[in-house]
Amino acid sequence: MRYNDYKHVFEVQRNGAIFYFSPKEFGHSVSFNGDKKVYQVFSYEENNKMATGFFVVLNKGKKLSLMSREKINLHDEVTVKSQLNT
């Protein structure tokens, strides 16, 4: 299983087939085996428009929860201008 931030979906590979879990299902959560990180679907406002997405649950309470939205930035490849000889 992996999170595809570009498409905003979780990809699950099982028996050679790939399944997608999109953030359209409110209340669902995703966690990885052996990892304490839990992703959950929430709605949010971005550029005056409502959207849904996966958030990392940092602390969940009865009335209030603390979430974090992960953002991945991709950069162009940078070639090395000099090499160190050892």
PDB file of N, CA and C in Angstrom:
ATOM      1  N   MET A   1       0.848  -1.159   0.000  1.00  0.00           N
ATOM      2  CA  MET A   1       0.000   0.000   0.000  1.00  0.00           C
ATOM      3  C   MET A   1       0.898   1.228   0.000  1.00  0.00           C
ATOM      4  N   ARG A   2       0.474   2.262  -0.720  1.00  0.00           N
ATOM      5  CA  ARG A   2       1.196   3.527  -0.704  1.00  0.00           C
ATOM      6  C   ARG A   2       0.222   4.663  -0.939  1.00  0.00           C
ATOM      7  N   TYR A   3       0.634   5.851  -0.514  1.00  0.00           N
ATOM      8  CA  TYR A   3      -0.172   7.052  -0.717  1.00  0.00           C
ATOM      9  C   TYR A   3       0.366   7.787  -1.925  1.00  0.00           C
ATOM     10  N   ASN A   4      -0.483   8.050  -2.909  1.00  0.00           N
ATOM     11  CA  ASN A   4      -0.125   8.794  -4.105  1.00  0.00           C
ATOM     12  C   ASN A   4      -0.622  10.223  -3.909  1.00  0.00           C
ATOM     13  N   ASP A   5       0.275  11.122  -3.497  1.00  0.00           N
ATOM     14  CA  ASP A   5      -0.122  12.500  -3.200  1.00  0.00           C
ATOM     15  C   ASP A   5      -0.523  13.254  -4.456  1.00  0.00           C
ATOM     16  N   TYR A   6       0.038  12.899  -5.591  1.00  0.00           N
ATOM     17  CA  TYR A   6      -0.289  13.586  -6.840  1.00  0.00           C
ATOM     18  C   TYR A   6      -1.752  13.375  -7.207  1.00  0.00           C
ATOM     19  N   LYS A   7      -2.243  12.142  -7.026  1.00  0.00           N
ATOM     20  CA  LYS A   7      -3.640  11.818  -7.343  1.00  0.00           C
ATOM     21  C   LYS A   7      -4.539  11.883  -6.112  1.00  0.00           C
ATOM     22  N   HIS A   8      -3.956  12.055  -4.921  1.00  0.00           N
ATOM     23  CA  HIS A   8      -4.690  12.099  -3.644  1.00  0.00           C
ATOM     24  C   HIS A   8      -5.475  10.815  -3.401  1.00  0.00           C
ATOM     25  N   VAL A   9      -4.824   9.676  -3.617  1.00  0.00           N
ATOM     26  CA  VAL A   9      -5.457   8.377  -3.378  1.00  0.00           C
ATOM     27  C   VAL A   9      -4.450   7.442  -2.721  1.00  0.00           C
ATOM     28  N   PHE A  10      -4.960   6.426  -2.039  1.00  0.00           N
ATOM     29  CA  PHE A  10      -4.132   5.326  -1.564  1.00  0.00           C
ATOM     30  C   PHE A  10      -4.219   4.226  -2.612  1.00  0.00           C
ATOM     31  N   GLU A  11      -3.084   3.644  -2.929  1.00  0.00           N
ATOM     32  CA  GLU A  11      -3.031   2.553  -3.890  1.00  0.00           C
ATOM     33  C   GLU A  11      -2.711   1.261  -3.131  1.00  0.00           C
ATOM     34  N   VAL A  12      -3.526   0.250  -3.346  1.00  0.00           N
ATOM     35  CA  VAL A  12      -3.342  -1.032  -2.688  1.00  0.00           C
ATOM     36  C   VAL A  12      -3.174  -2.089  -3.772  1.00  0.00           C
ATOM     37  N   GLN A  13      -2.072  -2.842  -3.699  1.00  0.00           N
ATOM     38  CA  GLN A  13      -1.841  -3.902  -4.663  1.00  0.00           C
ATOM     39  C   GLN A  13      -2.109  -5.236  -3.999  1.00  0.00           C
ATOM     40  N   ARG A  14      -3.007  -5.999  -4.596  1.00  0.00           N
ATOM     41  CA  ARG A  14      -3.366  -7.308  -4.051  1.00  0.00           C
ATOM     42  C   ARG A  14      -3.566  -8.281  -5.214  1.00  0.00           C
ATOM     43  N   ASN A  15      -2.839  -9.384  -5.170  1.00  0.00           N
ATOM     44  CA  ASN A  15      -2.920 -10.424  -6.204  1.00  0.00           C
ATOM     45  C   ASN A  15      -2.688  -9.859  -7.605  1.00  0.00           C
ATOM     46  N   GLY A  16      -1.763  -8.919  -7.729  1.00  0.00           N
ATOM     47  CA  GLY A  16      -1.411  -8.348  -9.032  1.00  0.00           C
ATOM     48  C   GLY A  16      -2.326  -7.234  -9.510  1.00  0.00           C
ATOM     49  N   ALA A  17      -3.416  -6.978  -8.812  1.00  0.00           N
ATOM     50  CA  ALA A  17      -4.348  -5.904  -9.201  1.00  0.00           C
ATOM     51  C   ALA A  17      -4.162  -4.710  -8.271  1.00  0.00           C
ATOM     52  N   ILE A  18      -4.356  -3.507  -8.803  1.00  0.00           N
ATOM     53  CA  ILE A  18      -4.225  -2.288  -8.004  1.00  0.00           C
ATOM     54  C   ILE A  18      -5.609  -1.708  -7.742  1.00  0.00           C
ATOM     55  N   PHE A  19      -5.887  -1.440  -6.473  1.00  0.00           N
ATOM     56  CA  PHE A  19      -7.148  -0.835  -6.056  1.00  0.00           C
ATOM     57  C   PHE A  19      -6.858   0.561  -5.531  1.00  0.00           C
ATOM     58  N   TYR A  20      -7.802   1.481  -5.719  1.00  0.00           N
ATOM     59  CA  TYR A  20      -7.624   2.871  -5.295  1.00  0.00           C
ATOM     60  C   TYR A  20      -8.643   3.224  -4.223  1.00  0.00           C
ATOM     61  N   PHE A  21      -8.168   3.894  -3.186  1.00  0.00           N
ATOM     62  CA  PHE A  21      -9.031   4.382  -2.109  1.00  0.00           C
ATOM     63  C   PHE A  21      -8.975   5.896  -2.159  1.00  0.00           C
ATOM     64  N   SER A  22     -10.062   6.518  -2.607  1.00  0.00           N
ATOM     65  CA  SER A  22     -10.080   7.969  -2.781  1.00  0.00           C
ATOM     66  C   SER A  22     -10.698   8.655  -1.563  1.00  0.00           C
ATOM     67  N   PRO A  23     -10.429   9.960  -1.398  1.00  0.00           N
ATOM     68  CA  PRO A  23     -10.933  10.678  -0.218  1.00  0.00           C
ATOM     69  C   PRO A  23     -12.393  11.104  -0.339  1.00  0.00           C
ATOM     70  N   LYS A  24     -13.209  10.353  -1.027  1.00  0.00           N
ATOM     71  CA  LYS A  24     -14.629  10.699  -1.156  1.00  0.00           C
ATOM     72  C   LYS A  24     -15.473  10.040  -0.079  1.00  0.00           C
ATOM     73  N   GLU A  25     -14.881   9.132   0.659  1.00  0.00           N
ATOM     74  CA  GLU A  25     -15.590   8.378   1.688  1.00  0.00           C
ATOM     75  C   GLU A  25     -15.299   8.969   3.064  1.00  0.00           C
ATOM     76  N   PHE A  26     -16.181   9.803   3.576  1.00  0.00           N
ATOM     77  CA  PHE A  26     -15.982  10.422   4.887  1.00  0.00           C
ATOM     78  C   PHE A  26     -16.045   9.383   5.991  1.00  0.00           C
ATOM     79  N   GLY A  27     -15.232   9.602   7.021  1.00  0.00           N
ATOM     80  CA  GLY A  27     -15.238   8.728   8.176  1.00  0.00           C
ATOM     81  C   GLY A  27     -14.302   7.551   8.065  1.00  0.00           C
ATOM     82  N   HIS A  28     -13.801   7.271   6.868  1.00  0.00           N
ATOM     83  CA  HIS A  28     -12.868   6.156   6.711  1.00  0.00           C
ATOM     84  C   HIS A  28     -11.474   6.589   7.126  1.00  0.00           C
ATOM     85  N   SER A  29     -10.717   5.637   7.624  1.00  0.00           N
ATOM     86  CA  SER A  29      -9.336   5.915   7.990  1.00  0.00           C
ATOM     87  C   SER A  29      -8.436   4.815   7.427  1.00  0.00           C
ATOM     88  N   VAL A  30      -7.166   5.170   7.236  1.00  0.00           N
ATOM     89  CA  VAL A  30      -6.180   4.243   6.692  1.00  0.00           C
ATOM     90  C   VAL A  30      -4.958   4.282   7.591  1.00  0.00           C
ATOM     91  N   SER A  31      -4.434   3.116   7.921  1.00  0.00           N
ATOM     92  CA  SER A  31      -3.192   3.045   8.692  1.00  0.00           C
ATOM     93  C   SER A  31      -2.337   1.922   8.115  1.00  0.00           C
ATOM     94  N   PHE A  32      -1.034   2.032   8.287  1.00  0.00           N
ATOM     95  CA  PHE A  32      -0.095   1.033   7.809  1.00  0.00           C
ATOM     96  C   PHE A  32       0.286   0.108   8.961  1.00  0.00           C
ATOM     97  N   ASN A  33       0.503  -1.155   8.661  1.00  0.00           N
ATOM     98  CA  ASN A  33       0.937  -2.107   9.694  1.00  0.00           C
ATOM     99  C   ASN A  33       2.284  -1.675  10.243  1.00  0.00           C
ATOM    100  N   GLY A  34       2.419  -1.662  11.554  1.00  0.00           N
ATOM    101  CA  GLY A  34       3.675  -1.309  12.195  1.00  0.00           C
ATOM    102  C   GLY A  34       3.929   0.185  12.288  1.00  0.00           C
ATOM    103  N   ASP A  35       3.011   1.006  11.827  1.00  0.00           N
ATOM    104  CA  ASP A  35       3.171   2.462  11.864  1.00  0.00           C
ATOM    105  C   ASP A  35       2.003   3.047  12.648  1.00  0.00           C
ATOM    106  N   LYS A  36       2.281   4.017  13.475  1.00  0.00           N
ATOM    107  CA  LYS A  36       1.221   4.630  14.284  1.00  0.00           C
ATOM    108  C   LYS A  36       0.496   5.741  13.534  1.00  0.00           C
ATOM    109  N   LYS A  37       0.937   6.070  12.319  1.00  0.00           N
ATOM    110  CA  LYS A  37       0.324   7.150  11.549  1.00  0.00           C
ATOM    111  C   LYS A  37      -1.020   6.695  10.990  1.00  0.00           C
ATOM    112  N   VAL A  38      -2.063   7.499  11.224  1.00  0.00           N
ATOM    113  CA  VAL A  38      -3.407   7.202  10.740  1.00  0.00           C
ATOM    114  C   VAL A  38      -3.858   8.351   9.842  1.00  0.00           C
ATOM    115  N   TYR A  39      -4.328   8.015   8.649  1.00  0.00           N
ATOM    116  CA  TYR A  39      -4.877   8.989   7.708  1.00  0.00           C
ATOM    117  C   TYR A  39      -6.396   8.904   7.764  1.00  0.00           C
ATOM    118  N   GLN A  40      -7.057  10.067   7.730  1.00  0.00           N
ATOM    119  CA  GLN A  40      -8.512  10.085   7.744  1.00  0.00           C
ATOM    120  C   GLN A  40      -9.007  11.152   6.775  1.00  0.00           C
ATOM    121  N   VAL A  41     -10.172  10.919   6.196  1.00  0.00           N
ATOM    122  CA  VAL A  41     -10.747  11.824   5.209  1.00  0.00           C
ATOM    123  C   VAL A  41     -11.511  12.947   5.906  1.00  0.00           C
ATOM    124  N   PHE A  42     -11.204  14.183   5.504  1.00  0.00           N
ATOM    125  CA  PHE A  42     -11.917  15.353   6.000  1.00  0.00           C
ATOM    126  C   PHE A  42     -12.143  16.328   4.851  1.00  0.00           C
ATOM    127  N   SER A  43     -13.108  17.199   5.036  1.00  0.00           N
ATOM    128  CA  SER A  43     -13.318  18.267   4.058  1.00  0.00           C
ATOM    129  C   SER A  43     -12.624  19.523   4.560  1.00  0.00           C
ATOM    130  N   TYR A  44     -12.223  20.381   3.613  1.00  0.00           N
ATOM    131  CA  TYR A  44     -11.542  21.624   3.948  1.00  0.00           C
ATOM    132  C   TYR A  44     -11.816  22.641   2.846  1.00  0.00           C
ATOM    133  N   GLU A  45     -11.520  23.890   3.142  1.00  0.00           N
ATOM    134  CA  GLU A  45     -11.715  24.954   2.165  1.00  0.00           C
ATOM    135  C   GLU A  45     -10.362  25.380   1.615  1.00  0.00           C
ATOM    136  N   GLU A  46     -10.278  25.437   0.283  1.00  0.00           N
ATOM    137  CA  GLU A  46      -9.049  25.855  -0.375  1.00  0.00           C
ATOM    138  C   GLU A  46      -9.418  26.745  -1.556  1.00  0.00           C
ATOM    139  N   ASN A  47      -8.902  27.966  -1.559  1.00  0.00           N
ATOM    140  CA  ASN A  47      -9.213  28.946  -2.613  1.00  0.00           C
ATOM    141  C   ASN A  47     -10.726  29.167  -2.743  1.00  0.00           C
ATOM    142  N   ASN A  48     -11.390  29.308  -1.609  1.00  0.00           N
ATOM    143  CA  ASN A  48     -12.831  29.556  -1.530  1.00  0.00           C
ATOM    144  C   ASN A  48     -13.669  28.424  -2.115  1.00  0.00           C
ATOM    145  N   LYS A  49     -13.120  27.213  -2.190  1.00  0.00           N
ATOM    146  CA  LYS A  49     -13.854  26.049  -2.673  1.00  0.00           C
ATOM    147  C   LYS A  49     -13.684  24.919  -1.665  1.00  0.00           C
ATOM    148  N   MET A  50     -14.729  24.145  -1.497  1.00  0.00           N
ATOM    149  CA  MET A  50     -14.675  22.996  -0.599  1.00  0.00           C
ATOM    150  C   MET A  50     -14.039  21.811  -1.332  1.00  0.00           C
ATOM    151  N   ALA A  51     -13.187  21.087  -0.612  1.00  0.00           N
ATOM    152  CA  ALA A  51     -12.510  19.910  -1.154  1.00  0.00           C
ATOM    153  C   ALA A  51     -12.420  18.871  -0.059  1.00  0.00           C
ATOM    154  N   THR A  52     -12.082  17.645  -0.441  1.00  0.00           N
ATOM    155  CA  THR A  52     -11.855  16.584   0.526  1.00  0.00           C
ATOM    156  C   THR A  52     -10.438  16.056   0.345  1.00  0.00           C
ATOM    157  N   GLY A  53      -9.874  15.536   1.415  1.00  0.00           N
ATOM    158  CA  GLY A  53      -8.525  15.007   1.328  1.00  0.00           C
ATOM    159  C   GLY A  53      -8.164  14.206   2.558  1.00  0.00           C
ATOM    160  N   PHE A  54      -7.031  13.533   2.466  1.00  0.00           N
ATOM    161  CA  PHE A  54      -6.517  12.744   3.577  1.00  0.00           C
ATOM    162  C   PHE A  54      -5.683  13.624   4.492  1.00  0.00           C
ATOM    163  N   PHE A  55      -5.917  13.516   5.780  1.00  0.00           N
ATOM    164  CA  PHE A  55      -5.160  14.228   6.800  1.00  0.00           C
ATOM    165  C   PHE A  55      -4.567  13.215   7.762  1.00  0.00           C
ATOM    166  N   VAL A  56      -3.404  13.523   8.314  1.00  0.00           N
ATOM    167  CA  VAL A  56      -2.798  12.681   9.342  1.00  0.00           C
ATOM    168  C   VAL A  56      -3.394  13.093  10.685  1.00  0.00           C
ATOM    169  N   VAL A  57      -3.918  12.128  11.418  1.00  0.00           N
ATOM    170  CA  VAL A  57      -4.513  12.394  12.725  1.00  0.00           C
ATOM    171  C   VAL A  57      -3.377  12.467  13.743  1.00  0.00           C
ATOM    172  N   LEU A  58      -3.126  13.664  14.279  1.00  0.00           N
ATOM    173  CA  LEU A  58      -2.069  13.848  15.270  1.00  0.00           C
ATOM    174  C   LEU A  58      -2.575  13.607  16.683  1.00  0.00           C
ATOM    175  N   ASN A  59      -3.803  14.060  16.964  1.00  0.00           N
ATOM    176  CA  ASN A  59      -4.404  13.885  18.279  1.00  0.00           C
ATOM    177  C   ASN A  59      -5.913  13.933  18.097  1.00  0.00           C
ATOM    178  N   LYS A  60      -6.599  12.895  18.531  1.00  0.00           N
ATOM    179  CA  LYS A  60      -8.046  12.825  18.356  1.00  0.00           C
ATOM    180  C   LYS A  60      -8.728  12.932  19.713  1.00  0.00           C
ATOM    181  N   GLY A  61      -9.614  13.914  19.846  1.00  0.00           N
ATOM    182  CA  GLY A  61     -10.360  14.101  21.074  1.00  0.00           C
ATOM    183  C   GLY A  61     -11.851  13.922  20.847  1.00  0.00           C
ATOM    184  N   LYS A  62     -12.622  14.076  21.911  1.00  0.00           N
ATOM    185  CA  LYS A  62     -14.073  13.930  21.791  1.00  0.00           C
ATOM    186  C   LYS A  62     -14.710  15.095  21.050  1.00  0.00           C
ATOM    187  N   LYS A  63     -14.235  16.312  21.303  1.00  0.00           N
ATOM    188  CA  LYS A  63     -14.824  17.495  20.684  1.00  0.00           C
ATOM    189  C   LYS A  63     -13.910  18.154  19.651  1.00  0.00           C
ATOM    190  N   LEU A  64     -12.615  17.885  19.756  1.00  0.00           N
ATOM    191  CA  LEU A  64     -11.658  18.571  18.899  1.00  0.00           C
ATOM    192  C   LEU A  64     -10.514  17.626  18.555  1.00  0.00           C
ATOM    193  N   SER A  65     -10.085  17.664  17.296  1.00  0.00           N
ATOM    194  CA  SER A  65      -8.963  16.827  16.862  1.00  0.00           C
ATOM    195  C   SER A  65      -7.935  17.695  16.162  1.00  0.00           C
ATOM    196  N   LEU A  66      -6.684  17.272  16.228  1.00  0.00           N
ATOM    197  CA  LEU A  66      -5.594  17.984  15.573  1.00  0.00           C
ATOM    198  C   LEU A  66      -5.144  17.157  14.383  1.00  0.00           C
ATOM    199  N   MET A  67      -5.180  17.766  13.183  1.00  0.00           N
ATOM    200  CA  MET A  67      -4.828  17.081  11.943  1.00  0.00           C
ATOM    201  C   MET A  67      -3.679  17.805  11.256  1.00  0.00           C
ATOM    202  N   SER A  68      -3.010  17.082  10.369  1.00  0.00           N
ATOM    203  CA  SER A  68      -1.940  17.661   9.565  1.00  0.00           C
ATOM    204  C   SER A  68      -2.139  17.194   8.131  1.00  0.00           C
ATOM    205  N   ARG A  69      -2.014  18.113   7.187  1.00  0.00           N
ATOM    206  CA  ARG A  69      -2.120  17.756   5.770  1.00  0.00           C
ATOM    207  C   ARG A  69      -0.717  17.688   5.214  1.00  0.00           C
ATOM    208  N   GLU A  70      -0.334  16.520   4.746  1.00  0.00           N
ATOM    209  CA  GLU A  70       0.994  16.349   4.173  1.00  0.00           C
ATOM    210  C   GLU A  70       1.006  16.890   2.751  1.00  0.00           C
ATOM    211  N   LYS A  71       2.094  17.532   2.404  1.00  0.00           N
ATOM    212  CA  LYS A  71       2.244  18.062   1.056  1.00  0.00           C
ATOM    213  C   LYS A  71       3.621  17.662   0.551  1.00  0.00           C
ATOM    214  N   ILE A  72       3.660  17.109  -0.637  1.00  0.00           N
ATOM    215  CA  ILE A  72       4.909  16.655  -1.227  1.00  0.00           C
ATOM    216  C   ILE A  72       5.267  17.586  -2.374  1.00  0.00           C
ATOM    217  N   ASN A  73       6.477  18.106  -2.341  1.00  0.00           N
ATOM    218  CA  ASN A  73       6.974  18.969  -3.407  1.00  0.00           C
ATOM    219  C   ASN A  73       7.997  18.203  -4.228  1.00  0.00           C
ATOM    220  N   LEU A  74       7.813  18.202  -5.535  1.00  0.00           N
ATOM    221  CA  LEU A  74       8.758  17.557  -6.435  1.00  0.00           C
ATOM    222  C   LEU A  74       9.634  18.621  -7.073  1.00  0.00           C
ATOM    223  N   HIS A  75      10.922  18.337  -7.157  1.00  0.00           N
ATOM    224  CA  HIS A  75      11.869  19.271  -7.745  1.00  0.00           C
ATOM    225  C   HIS A  75      12.569  18.605  -8.923  1.00  0.00           C
ATOM    226  N   ASP A  76      13.005  19.419  -9.884  1.00  0.00           N
ATOM    227  CA  ASP A  76      13.753  18.898 -11.019  1.00  0.00           C
ATOM    228  C   ASP A  76      15.089  18.347 -10.552  1.00  0.00           C
ATOM    229  N   GLU A  77      15.597  17.384 -11.295  1.00  0.00           N
ATOM    230  CA  GLU A  77      16.880  16.778 -10.980  1.00  0.00           C
ATOM    231  C   GLU A  77      17.993  17.812 -11.125  1.00  0.00           C
ATOM    232  N   VAL A  78      18.930  17.776 -10.204  1.00  0.00           N
ATOM    233  CA  VAL A  78      20.087  18.680 -10.240  1.00  0.00           C
ATOM    234  C   VAL A  78      21.326  17.828 -10.454  1.00  0.00           C
ATOM    235  N   THR A  79      22.094  18.154 -11.485  1.00  0.00           N
ATOM    236  CA  THR A  79      23.311  17.392 -11.746  1.00  0.00           C
ATOM    237  C   THR A  79      24.457  17.953 -10.900  1.00  0.00           C
ATOM    238  N   VAL A  80      25.367  17.066 -10.520  1.00  0.00           N
ATOM    239  CA  VAL A  80      26.512  17.455  -9.707  1.00  0.00           C
ATOM    240  C   VAL A  80      27.535  18.150 -10.601  1.00  0.00           C
ATOM    241  N   LYS A  81      28.034  19.294 -10.166  1.00  0.00           N
ATOM    242  CA  LYS A  81      29.003  20.056 -10.957  1.00  0.00           C
ATOM    243  C   LYS A  81      30.427  19.579 -10.740  1.00  0.00           C
ATOM    244  N   SER A  82      30.713  19.018  -9.584  1.00  0.00           N
ATOM    245  CA  SER A  82      32.043  18.479  -9.313  1.00  0.00           C
ATOM    246  C   SER A  82      31.904  17.204  -8.498  1.00  0.00           C
ATOM    247  N   GLN A  83      32.896  16.348  -8.637  1.00  0.00           N
ATOM    248  CA  GLN A  83      32.875  15.102  -7.899  1.00  0.00           C
ATOM    249  C   GLN A  83      34.074  15.023  -6.994  1.00  0.00           C
ATOM    250  N   LEU A  84      33.899  14.436  -5.846  1.00  0.00           N
ATOM    251  CA  LEU A  84      35.002  14.264  -4.907  1.00  0.00           C
ATOM    252  C   LEU A  84      35.628  12.906  -5.137  1.00  0.00           C
ATOM    253  N   ASN A  85      36.917  12.867  -5.280  1.00  0.00           N
ATOM    254  CA  ASN A  85      37.637  11.601  -5.434  1.00  0.00           C
ATOM    255  C   ASN A  85      38.224  11.191  -4.096  1.00  0.00           C
ATOM    256  N   THR A  86      37.938   9.964  -3.671  1.00  0.00           N
ATOM    257  CA  THR A  86      38.480   9.492  -2.395  1.00  0.00           C
ATOM    258  C   THR A  86      39.462   8.383  -2.584  1.00  0.00           C
TER     259      THR A  86
END
